[in-house]
Amino acid sequence: MPVPLAPYPTLPPPAPYTPPPNGTQSQLVCSGCKNLLLYPVGATTVCCAVCNAVTAAPPPGQEMAQLVCGGCHTLLMYIRGATSVQCSCCHTVNLALEANQVAHVNCGNCKMLLMYQYGARSVKCAVCSFVTSVGASTSTTEQKFSS
């Protein structure tokens, strides 16, 4: 005579993912496959769903920023406040300027609006190659657009 089998106990369905309070998330680049990963702020490590690599999350308070590499156009992530970022693909060193670290001036020859690092004494126009002096005698255009 066969022995009846007891049914498996039914488990409650898993709780749906609840984002952290106020929904704050951050992002980082996977150390394995280089995909962009989103994670809740406060996590210390992040496991990639694609390659299962575990990447250490930056400590709280170190916000991440991103820029596109000038050499190979790869999206780079870096700790906000860094002055330069070296691309891991093509090894180009990219300037990481915040919005308040750049100023604008019109080219002295063709009037093209130019952006330059704040504090520079001159800027060369990429269109006509004219070198415009900036500095003590700032133009009204430069003052208008700098932040």
N, C-alpha and C. Protein backbone atom coordinates (compact mmCIF):
# COMPACT_ATOMS: atom_id res chain seq x y z
N MET A 1 0.84 -1.16 0.00
CA MET A 1 0.00 0.00 0.00
C MET A 1 0.90 1.24 0.00
N PRO A 2 0.68 2.16 -0.98
CA PRO A 2 1.53 3.35 -1.04
C PRO A 2 1.26 4.30 0.12
N VAL A 3 2.34 4.95 0.52
CA VAL A 3 2.24 5.91 1.62
C VAL A 3 1.93 7.28 1.02
N PRO A 4 0.88 7.97 1.49
CA PRO A 4 0.58 9.29 0.93
C PRO A 4 1.66 10.29 1.33
N LEU A 5 2.01 11.13 0.39
CA LEU A 5 3.02 12.16 0.62
C LEU A 5 2.36 13.42 1.14
N ALA A 6 3.02 14.02 2.08
CA ALA A 6 2.50 15.29 2.61
C ALA A 6 2.81 16.39 1.60
N PRO A 7 1.87 17.27 1.39
CA PRO A 7 2.14 18.35 0.43
C PRO A 7 3.19 19.31 1.00
N TYR A 8 3.94 19.93 0.07
CA TYR A 8 4.91 20.94 0.49
C TYR A 8 4.17 22.10 1.12
N PRO A 9 4.73 22.65 2.18
CA PRO A 9 4.05 23.81 2.77
C PRO A 9 4.09 24.98 1.79
N THR A 10 3.03 25.71 1.77
CA THR A 10 2.99 26.88 0.88
C THR A 10 3.63 28.06 1.59
N LEU A 11 4.54 28.70 0.87
CA LEU A 11 5.22 29.87 1.41
C LEU A 11 4.53 31.14 0.92
N PRO A 12 4.53 32.15 1.74
CA PRO A 12 3.94 33.40 1.27
C PRO A 12 4.79 33.96 0.12
N PRO A 13 4.17 34.67 -0.80
CA PRO A 13 4.95 35.22 -1.91
C PRO A 13 5.99 36.19 -1.38
N PRO A 14 7.16 36.29 -2.06
CA PRO A 14 8.20 37.20 -1.60
C PRO A 14 7.70 38.64 -1.63
N ALA A 15 8.18 39.39 -0.67
CA ALA A 15 7.78 40.81 -0.60
C ALA A 15 8.35 41.54 -1.80
N PRO A 16 7.58 42.41 -2.38
CA PRO A 16 8.13 43.17 -3.53
C PRO A 16 9.25 44.08 -3.06
N TYR A 17 10.15 44.39 -4.00
CA TYR A 17 11.27 45.28 -3.68
C TYR A 17 10.73 46.63 -3.26
N THR A 18 11.21 47.09 -2.15
CA THR A 18 10.82 48.43 -1.70
C THR A 18 12.06 49.30 -1.72
N PRO A 19 12.02 50.38 -2.48
CA PRO A 19 13.18 51.26 -2.53
C PRO A 19 13.40 51.92 -1.18
N PRO A 20 14.61 52.40 -0.94
CA PRO A 20 14.87 53.05 0.34
C PRO A 20 13.98 54.26 0.53
N PRO A 21 13.84 54.72 1.79
CA PRO A 21 13.01 55.90 2.02
C PRO A 21 13.44 57.04 1.11
N ASN A 22 12.53 57.79 0.63
CA ASN A 22 12.67 58.90 -0.31
C ASN A 22 13.23 58.46 -1.66
N GLY A 23 13.32 57.12 -1.90
CA GLY A 23 13.66 56.60 -3.22
C GLY A 23 15.03 56.94 -3.73
N THR A 24 16.00 57.21 -2.86
CA THR A 24 17.32 57.60 -3.33
C THR A 24 18.09 56.39 -3.83
N GLN A 25 18.55 56.51 -5.04
CA GLN A 25 19.39 55.48 -5.65
C GLN A 25 20.62 56.15 -6.22
N SER A 26 21.66 55.36 -6.37
CA SER A 26 22.87 55.86 -6.99
C SER A 26 23.26 54.88 -8.08
N GLN A 27 24.34 55.15 -8.75
CA GLN A 27 24.76 54.27 -9.83
C GLN A 27 26.26 54.13 -9.83
N LEU A 28 26.74 53.00 -10.34
CA LEU A 28 28.16 52.76 -10.49
C LEU A 28 28.38 51.83 -11.67
N VAL A 29 29.62 51.69 -12.08
CA VAL A 29 29.96 50.83 -13.20
C VAL A 29 30.42 49.49 -12.64
N CYS A 30 29.87 48.39 -13.17
CA CYS A 30 30.22 47.05 -12.74
C CYS A 30 31.71 46.81 -12.96
N SER A 31 32.38 46.23 -11.95
CA SER A 31 33.81 45.96 -12.07
C SER A 31 34.10 44.80 -13.02
N GLY A 32 33.08 44.02 -13.36
CA GLY A 32 33.27 42.89 -14.27
C GLY A 32 32.96 43.22 -15.71
N CYS A 33 31.67 43.48 -16.00
CA CYS A 33 31.24 43.65 -17.40
C CYS A 33 31.09 45.12 -17.81
N LYS A 34 31.33 46.06 -16.90
CA LYS A 34 31.29 47.51 -17.17
C LYS A 34 29.89 48.04 -17.46
N ASN A 35 28.84 47.28 -17.11
CA ASN A 35 27.47 47.79 -17.25
C ASN A 35 27.19 48.78 -16.14
N LEU A 36 26.24 49.67 -16.39
CA LEU A 36 25.83 50.65 -15.39
C LEU A 36 24.86 49.97 -14.42
N LEU A 37 25.14 50.04 -13.12
CA LEU A 37 24.31 49.40 -12.11
C LEU A 37 23.66 50.45 -11.23
N LEU A 38 22.37 50.29 -10.96
CA LEU A 38 21.66 51.14 -10.01
C LEU A 38 21.58 50.40 -8.68
N TYR A 39 21.74 51.13 -7.59
CA TYR A 39 21.67 50.49 -6.28
C TYR A 39 21.13 51.48 -5.25
N PRO A 40 20.53 50.98 -4.17
CA PRO A 40 20.00 51.89 -3.14
C PRO A 40 21.16 52.54 -2.38
N VAL A 41 21.02 53.82 -2.11
CA VAL A 41 22.04 54.55 -1.37
C VAL A 41 22.19 53.90 0.00
N GLY A 42 23.42 53.70 0.41
CA GLY A 42 23.70 53.07 1.70
C GLY A 42 24.22 51.66 1.55
N ALA A 43 24.03 51.04 0.38
CA ALA A 43 24.56 49.70 0.15
C ALA A 43 26.09 49.76 0.12
N THR A 44 26.74 48.71 0.62
CA THR A 44 28.20 48.69 0.63
C THR A 44 28.78 47.95 -0.57
N THR A 45 28.03 46.99 -1.10
CA THR A 45 28.44 46.27 -2.31
C THR A 45 27.23 46.07 -3.20
N VAL A 46 27.50 45.86 -4.50
CA VAL A 46 26.44 45.65 -5.48
C VAL A 46 26.82 44.44 -6.32
N CYS A 47 25.89 43.48 -6.45
CA CYS A 47 26.13 42.29 -7.27
C CYS A 47 25.47 42.51 -8.62
N CYS A 48 26.23 42.36 -9.68
CA CYS A 48 25.73 42.55 -11.04
C CYS A 48 24.85 41.37 -11.44
N ALA A 49 23.67 41.66 -11.98
CA ALA A 49 22.74 40.61 -12.41
C ALA A 49 23.20 39.97 -13.72
N VAL A 50 24.10 40.61 -14.45
CA VAL A 50 24.55 40.07 -15.74
C VAL A 50 25.72 39.11 -15.55
N CYS A 51 26.78 39.55 -14.84
CA CYS A 51 28.00 38.73 -14.73
C CYS A 51 28.28 38.24 -13.31
N ASN A 52 27.43 38.62 -12.35
CA ASN A 52 27.56 38.23 -10.94
C ASN A 52 28.81 38.77 -10.24
N ALA A 53 29.48 39.74 -10.84
CA ALA A 53 30.62 40.36 -10.17
C ALA A 53 30.12 41.24 -9.03
N VAL A 54 30.85 41.26 -7.95
CA VAL A 54 30.50 42.10 -6.80
C VAL A 54 31.39 43.33 -6.84
N THR A 55 30.77 44.50 -6.86
CA THR A 55 31.48 45.77 -6.93
C THR A 55 31.25 46.55 -5.64
N ALA A 56 32.32 47.08 -5.07
CA ALA A 56 32.19 47.88 -3.85
C ALA A 56 31.55 49.21 -4.19
N ALA A 57 30.59 49.61 -3.39
CA ALA A 57 29.93 50.91 -3.58
C ALA A 57 30.76 51.98 -2.86
N PRO A 58 30.79 53.20 -3.40
CA PRO A 58 31.53 54.26 -2.72
C PRO A 58 30.86 54.59 -1.38
N PRO A 59 31.65 55.06 -0.41
CA PRO A 59 31.07 55.40 0.89
C PRO A 59 30.00 56.48 0.76
N PRO A 60 29.04 56.52 1.67
CA PRO A 60 28.01 57.56 1.62
C PRO A 60 28.65 58.94 1.65
N GLY A 61 28.08 59.85 0.91
CA GLY A 61 28.60 61.21 0.84
C GLY A 61 29.51 61.44 -0.34
N GLN A 62 29.96 60.37 -0.99
CA GLN A 62 30.79 60.51 -2.17
C GLN A 62 29.91 60.32 -3.40
N GLU A 63 29.30 61.40 -3.84
CA GLU A 63 28.40 61.33 -4.97
C GLU A 63 29.18 61.04 -6.24
N MET A 64 28.53 60.31 -7.13
CA MET A 64 29.15 59.97 -8.40
C MET A 64 28.68 60.93 -9.49
N ALA A 65 29.57 61.20 -10.42
CA ALA A 65 29.25 62.01 -11.58
C ALA A 65 29.69 61.22 -12.81
N GLN A 66 29.31 61.69 -13.97
CA GLN A 66 29.70 60.97 -15.19
C GLN A 66 30.04 61.94 -16.29
N LEU A 67 30.87 61.47 -17.22
CA LEU A 67 31.23 62.24 -18.40
C LEU A 67 31.53 61.28 -19.52
N VAL A 68 31.56 61.78 -20.74
CA VAL A 68 31.88 60.96 -21.91
C VAL A 68 33.34 61.20 -22.24
N CYS A 69 34.10 60.13 -22.40
CA CYS A 69 35.53 60.21 -22.71
C CYS A 69 35.74 60.93 -24.03
N GLY A 70 36.66 61.87 -24.05
CA GLY A 70 36.96 62.62 -25.27
C GLY A 70 37.71 61.78 -26.29
N GLY A 71 38.31 60.66 -25.87
CA GLY A 71 39.07 59.82 -26.79
C GLY A 71 38.24 58.76 -27.48
N CYS A 72 37.47 57.98 -26.69
CA CYS A 72 36.74 56.85 -27.28
C CYS A 72 35.24 56.92 -27.06
N HIS A 73 34.75 57.99 -26.43
CA HIS A 73 33.32 58.22 -26.21
C HIS A 73 32.66 57.21 -25.28
N THR A 74 33.44 56.60 -24.40
CA THR A 74 32.90 55.69 -23.38
C THR A 74 32.36 56.52 -22.22
N LEU A 75 31.24 56.09 -21.65
CA LEU A 75 30.69 56.77 -20.49
C LEU A 75 31.55 56.43 -19.28
N LEU A 76 32.07 57.46 -18.61
CA LEU A 76 32.93 57.27 -17.44
C LEU A 76 32.21 57.78 -16.21
N MET A 77 32.38 57.07 -15.10
CA MET A 77 31.83 57.53 -13.83
C MET A 77 33.00 57.80 -12.90
N TYR A 78 32.83 58.82 -12.07
CA TYR A 78 33.90 59.21 -11.16
C TYR A 78 33.29 59.87 -9.94
N ILE A 79 34.08 59.99 -8.89
CA ILE A 79 33.61 60.64 -7.67
C ILE A 79 33.55 62.13 -7.91
N ARG A 80 32.38 62.72 -7.67
CA ARG A 80 32.19 64.15 -7.89
C ARG A 80 33.23 64.94 -7.12
N GLY A 81 33.81 65.92 -7.79
CA GLY A 81 34.84 66.74 -7.18
C GLY A 81 36.22 66.43 -7.73
N ALA A 82 36.36 65.28 -8.42
CA ALA A 82 37.65 64.96 -9.04
C ALA A 82 37.95 65.97 -10.13
N THR A 83 39.22 66.27 -10.35
CA THR A 83 39.59 67.25 -11.37
C THR A 83 39.88 66.59 -12.71
N SER A 84 40.24 65.31 -12.71
CA SER A 84 40.48 64.60 -13.97
C SER A 84 40.11 63.13 -13.80
N VAL A 85 39.80 62.48 -14.94
CA VAL A 85 39.39 61.08 -14.94
C VAL A 85 40.11 60.39 -16.09
N GLN A 86 40.84 59.30 -15.79
CA GLN A 86 41.51 58.56 -16.85
C GLN A 86 40.60 57.44 -17.33
N CYS A 87 40.42 57.36 -18.64
CA CYS A 87 39.56 56.32 -19.23
C CYS A 87 40.26 54.97 -19.13
N SER A 88 39.52 53.95 -18.67
CA SER A 88 40.10 52.61 -18.54
C SER A 88 40.19 51.90 -19.89
N CYS A 89 39.51 52.43 -20.91
CA CYS A 89 39.56 51.79 -22.23
C CYS A 89 40.72 52.31 -23.08
N CYS A 90 40.79 53.66 -23.24
CA CYS A 90 41.80 54.24 -24.14
C CYS A 90 42.88 55.02 -23.38
N HIS A 91 42.77 55.11 -22.06
CA HIS A 91 43.73 55.77 -21.18
C HIS A 91 43.83 57.28 -21.38
N THR A 92 42.85 57.89 -22.05
CA THR A 92 42.82 59.35 -22.19
C THR A 92 42.51 59.96 -20.83
N VAL A 93 43.22 61.04 -20.47
CA VAL A 93 42.93 61.76 -19.24
C VAL A 93 41.96 62.87 -19.58
N ASN A 94 40.76 62.83 -19.00
CA ASN A 94 39.71 63.79 -19.28
C ASN A 94 39.59 64.77 -18.12
N LEU A 95 39.43 66.05 -18.44
CA LEU A 95 39.17 67.03 -17.40
C LEU A 95 37.75 66.86 -16.91
N ALA A 96 37.56 66.87 -15.62
CA ALA A 96 36.23 66.72 -15.02
C ALA A 96 35.85 68.05 -14.40
N LEU A 97 35.25 68.91 -15.18
CA LEU A 97 34.92 70.25 -14.72
C LEU A 97 33.47 70.32 -14.27
N GLU A 98 33.23 70.93 -13.14
CA GLU A 98 31.88 71.18 -12.68
C GLU A 98 31.38 72.43 -13.37
N ALA A 99 30.08 72.64 -13.35
CA ALA A 99 29.48 73.79 -14.03
C ALA A 99 30.04 75.10 -13.53
N ASN A 100 30.38 75.17 -12.24
CA ASN A 100 30.90 76.43 -11.72
C ASN A 100 32.40 76.60 -11.94
N GLN A 101 33.04 75.67 -12.64
CA GLN A 101 34.47 75.77 -12.90
C GLN A 101 34.74 76.18 -14.34
N VAL A 102 33.72 76.49 -15.09
CA VAL A 102 33.91 76.91 -16.48
C VAL A 102 33.31 78.29 -16.68
N ALA A 103 33.85 78.99 -17.65
CA ALA A 103 33.34 80.32 -17.99
C ALA A 103 33.17 80.37 -19.50
N HIS A 104 32.50 81.39 -19.98
CA HIS A 104 32.22 81.53 -21.40
C HIS A 104 32.66 82.92 -21.87
N VAL A 105 33.08 83.00 -23.12
CA VAL A 105 33.44 84.27 -23.74
C VAL A 105 33.22 84.12 -25.24
N ASN A 106 32.92 85.21 -25.92
CA ASN A 106 32.79 85.16 -27.37
C ASN A 106 34.17 85.30 -28.00
N CYS A 107 34.43 84.54 -29.06
CA CYS A 107 35.69 84.61 -29.79
C CYS A 107 35.90 86.04 -30.28
N GLY A 108 37.11 86.55 -30.14
CA GLY A 108 37.43 87.91 -30.56
C GLY A 108 37.42 88.08 -32.07
N ASN A 109 37.36 87.01 -32.83
CA ASN A 109 37.37 87.09 -34.28
C ASN A 109 36.01 86.73 -34.89
N CYS A 110 35.53 85.51 -34.65
CA CYS A 110 34.29 85.05 -35.31
C CYS A 110 33.06 85.14 -34.42
N LYS A 111 33.22 85.54 -33.17
CA LYS A 111 32.12 85.74 -32.21
C LYS A 111 31.46 84.43 -31.75
N MET A 112 32.08 83.29 -32.03
CA MET A 112 31.57 82.00 -31.56
C MET A 112 31.66 81.99 -30.04
N LEU A 113 30.64 81.45 -29.35
CA LEU A 113 30.66 81.36 -27.91
C LEU A 113 31.62 80.25 -27.50
N LEU A 114 32.62 80.56 -26.69
CA LEU A 114 33.64 79.61 -26.28
C LEU A 114 33.50 79.32 -24.79
N MET A 115 33.80 78.08 -24.40
CA MET A 115 33.80 77.69 -23.01
C MET A 115 35.25 77.37 -22.64
N TYR A 116 35.67 77.81 -21.46
CA TYR A 116 37.05 77.56 -21.04
C TYR A 116 37.09 77.37 -19.54
N GLN A 117 38.20 76.79 -19.07
CA GLN A 117 38.35 76.56 -17.64
C GLN A 117 38.53 77.89 -16.93
N TYR A 118 37.76 78.09 -15.88
CA TYR A 118 37.81 79.33 -15.13
C TYR A 118 39.24 79.59 -14.64
N GLY A 119 39.71 80.80 -14.84
CA GLY A 119 41.06 81.17 -14.42
C GLY A 119 42.07 81.19 -15.55
N ALA A 120 41.68 80.65 -16.73
CA ALA A 120 42.61 80.66 -17.86
C ALA A 120 42.82 82.09 -18.35
N ARG A 121 43.99 82.37 -18.94
CA ARG A 121 44.28 83.72 -19.43
C ARG A 121 43.87 83.90 -20.89
N SER A 122 43.73 82.79 -21.62
CA SER A 122 43.31 82.88 -23.02
C SER A 122 42.63 81.58 -23.43
N VAL A 123 41.89 81.66 -24.54
CA VAL A 123 41.22 80.48 -25.07
C VAL A 123 41.31 80.53 -26.60
N LYS A 124 41.63 79.37 -27.19
CA LYS A 124 41.76 79.29 -28.65
C LYS A 124 40.46 78.77 -29.24
N CYS A 125 39.95 79.47 -30.25
CA CYS A 125 38.71 79.10 -30.91
C CYS A 125 38.93 77.86 -31.77
N ALA A 126 38.06 76.88 -31.64
CA ALA A 126 38.15 75.65 -32.44
C ALA A 126 37.67 75.87 -33.87
N VAL A 127 36.95 76.97 -34.11
CA VAL A 127 36.42 77.24 -35.45
C VAL A 127 37.43 77.99 -36.30
N CYS A 128 37.95 79.13 -35.78
CA CYS A 128 38.84 79.96 -36.59
C CYS A 128 40.27 80.01 -36.06
N SER A 129 40.57 79.33 -34.95
CA SER A 129 41.90 79.26 -34.34
C SER A 129 42.40 80.58 -33.76
N PHE A 130 41.52 81.57 -33.62
CA PHE A 130 41.91 82.85 -33.03
C PHE A 130 42.05 82.65 -31.51
N VAL A 131 43.07 83.28 -30.92
CA VAL A 131 43.28 83.20 -29.48
C VAL A 131 42.70 84.45 -28.84
N THR A 132 41.69 84.27 -28.00
CA THR A 132 41.03 85.38 -27.31
C THR A 132 41.59 85.47 -25.90
N SER A 133 42.03 86.65 -25.50
CA SER A 133 42.53 86.86 -24.14
C SER A 133 41.36 87.02 -23.20
N VAL A 134 41.47 86.41 -22.03
CA VAL A 134 40.48 86.57 -20.97
C VAL A 134 41.24 86.86 -19.69
N GLY A 135 40.59 87.46 -18.74
CA GLY A 135 41.29 87.73 -17.48
C GLY A 135 40.81 89.02 -16.86
N ALA A 136 41.76 89.93 -16.53
CA ALA A 136 41.44 91.15 -15.78
C ALA A 136 40.39 92.00 -16.48
N SER A 137 40.48 92.12 -17.78
CA SER A 137 39.49 92.94 -18.50
C SER A 137 38.44 92.02 -19.09
N THR A 138 37.60 91.44 -18.22
CA THR A 138 36.58 90.48 -18.67
C THR A 138 35.49 91.20 -19.45
N SER A 139 35.01 90.52 -20.44
CA SER A 139 33.93 91.10 -21.25
C SER A 139 32.60 90.90 -20.55
N THR A 140 31.60 91.64 -20.98
CA THR A 140 30.26 91.50 -20.39
C THR A 140 29.68 90.13 -20.74
N THR A 141 30.06 89.57 -21.89
CA THR A 141 29.56 88.26 -22.27
C THR A 141 30.09 87.21 -21.30
N GLU A 142 31.37 87.30 -20.94
CA GLU A 142 31.95 86.34 -20.02
C GLU A 142 31.24 86.41 -18.67
N GLN A 143 31.01 87.60 -18.18
CA GLN A 143 30.36 87.75 -16.88
C GLN A 143 28.91 87.26 -16.94
N LYS A 144 28.27 87.47 -18.03
CA LYS A 144 26.87 87.09 -18.17
C LYS A 144 26.68 85.58 -18.10
N PHE A 145 27.61 84.80 -18.70
CA PHE A 145 27.41 83.37 -18.81
C PHE A 145 28.13 82.55 -17.76
N SER A 146 29.07 83.12 -17.03
CA SER A 146 29.76 82.32 -16.03
C SER A 146 28.86 82.13 -14.82
N SER A 147 29.08 81.02 -14.12
CA SER A 147 28.22 80.76 -12.95
C SER A 147 29.05 80.50 -11.73
